[in-house]
Amino acid sequence: MALDAETQAFLDLTQAEIAPWTGTRAADRDLAIPAAALAGVIDNLALLQAQTRLFVSALGDAAGQAPEPFQP
């Protein structure tokens, strides 16, 4: 399955790596995450990672390919 490098790197993060990655990623983009919101942002990213893993797994070999337009 061919995923872009950033998506694959995100999926390869362990639970312990998500928090530091979040801070680094935000700083790289000049974003300031308020301290009161940081825990929620990290939780949401962990959930997003789990959902992405599920979707990639469900797509199998088609992951990373351009979607086909709907043909009724």
Protein backbone atom coordinates (compact mmCIF):
# COMPACT_ATOMS: atom_id res chain seq x y z
CA MET A 1 0.00 0.00 0.00
CA ALA A 2 1.38 3.36 -1.00
CA LEU A 3 0.80 6.07 1.57
CA ASP A 4 2.54 9.42 1.54
CA ALA A 5 5.51 9.73 3.88
CA GLU A 6 3.80 12.07 6.37
CA THR A 7 0.78 9.80 6.75
CA GLN A 8 3.00 6.77 7.23
CA ALA A 9 5.11 8.61 9.81
CA PHE A 10 1.92 9.57 11.67
CA LEU A 11 0.70 5.97 11.65
CA ASP A 12 4.08 4.75 12.88
CA LEU A 13 3.95 6.90 16.02
CA THR A 14 3.52 5.06 19.30
CA GLN A 15 1.09 6.32 21.93
CA ALA A 16 4.02 7.76 23.88
CA GLU A 17 5.27 9.64 20.82
CA ILE A 18 2.01 11.40 19.97
CA ALA A 19 2.31 14.11 22.65
CA PRO A 20 5.83 15.27 21.75
CA TRP A 21 5.02 14.97 18.04
CA THR A 22 1.99 17.22 18.55
CA GLY A 23 4.07 19.96 20.12
CA THR A 24 6.76 19.73 17.46
CA ARG A 25 4.25 19.66 14.62
CA ALA A 26 2.41 22.69 15.99
CA ALA A 27 5.65 24.62 16.51
CA ASP A 28 6.78 23.81 12.96
CA ARG A 29 3.61 25.48 11.73
CA ASP A 30 3.78 28.44 14.11
CA LEU A 31 0.67 27.26 15.94
CA ALA A 32 0.22 27.81 19.64
CA ILE A 33 -1.96 25.22 21.32
CA PRO A 34 -3.33 26.62 24.59
CA ALA A 35 -2.24 24.56 27.59
CA ALA A 36 -5.87 23.99 28.55
CA ALA A 37 -6.58 22.43 25.15
CA LEU A 38 -3.39 20.43 24.67
CA ALA A 39 -4.60 17.23 26.34
CA GLY A 40 -7.75 17.25 24.20
CA VAL A 41 -5.76 17.85 21.03
CA ILE A 42 -3.47 14.93 21.86
CA ASP A 43 -6.48 12.69 22.57
CA ASN A 44 -8.06 13.71 19.27
CA LEU A 45 -4.86 12.97 17.38
CA ALA A 46 -4.65 9.54 19.00
CA LEU A 47 -8.23 8.89 17.91
CA LEU A 48 -7.49 10.17 14.40
CA GLN A 49 -4.49 7.85 14.22
CA ALA A 50 -6.62 4.85 15.24
CA GLN A 51 -9.30 5.75 12.69
CA THR A 52 -6.72 6.23 9.96
CA ARG A 53 -5.19 2.84 10.73
CA LEU A 54 -8.66 1.29 10.48
CA PHE A 55 -9.41 2.96 7.15
CA VAL A 56 -6.02 2.05 5.69
CA SER A 57 -6.49 -1.53 6.83
CA ALA A 58 -9.96 -1.66 5.29
CA LEU A 59 -8.69 -0.24 2.00
CA GLY A 60 -5.90 -2.78 1.79
CA ASP A 61 -3.92 -2.48 -1.42
CA ALA A 62 -6.10 0.40 -2.64
CA ALA A 63 -4.84 2.72 0.14
CA GLY A 64 -2.98 5.67 -1.28
CA GLN A 65 -4.49 5.33 -4.75
CA ALA A 66 -6.64 8.02 -6.29
CA PRO A 67 -10.33 7.31 -5.74
CA GLU A 68 -12.48 6.42 -8.70
CA PRO A 69 -15.35 8.78 -9.46
CA PHE A 70 -18.80 7.48 -8.62
CA GLN A 71 -20.57 6.04 -11.64
CA PRO A 72 -24.30 5.51 -11.06
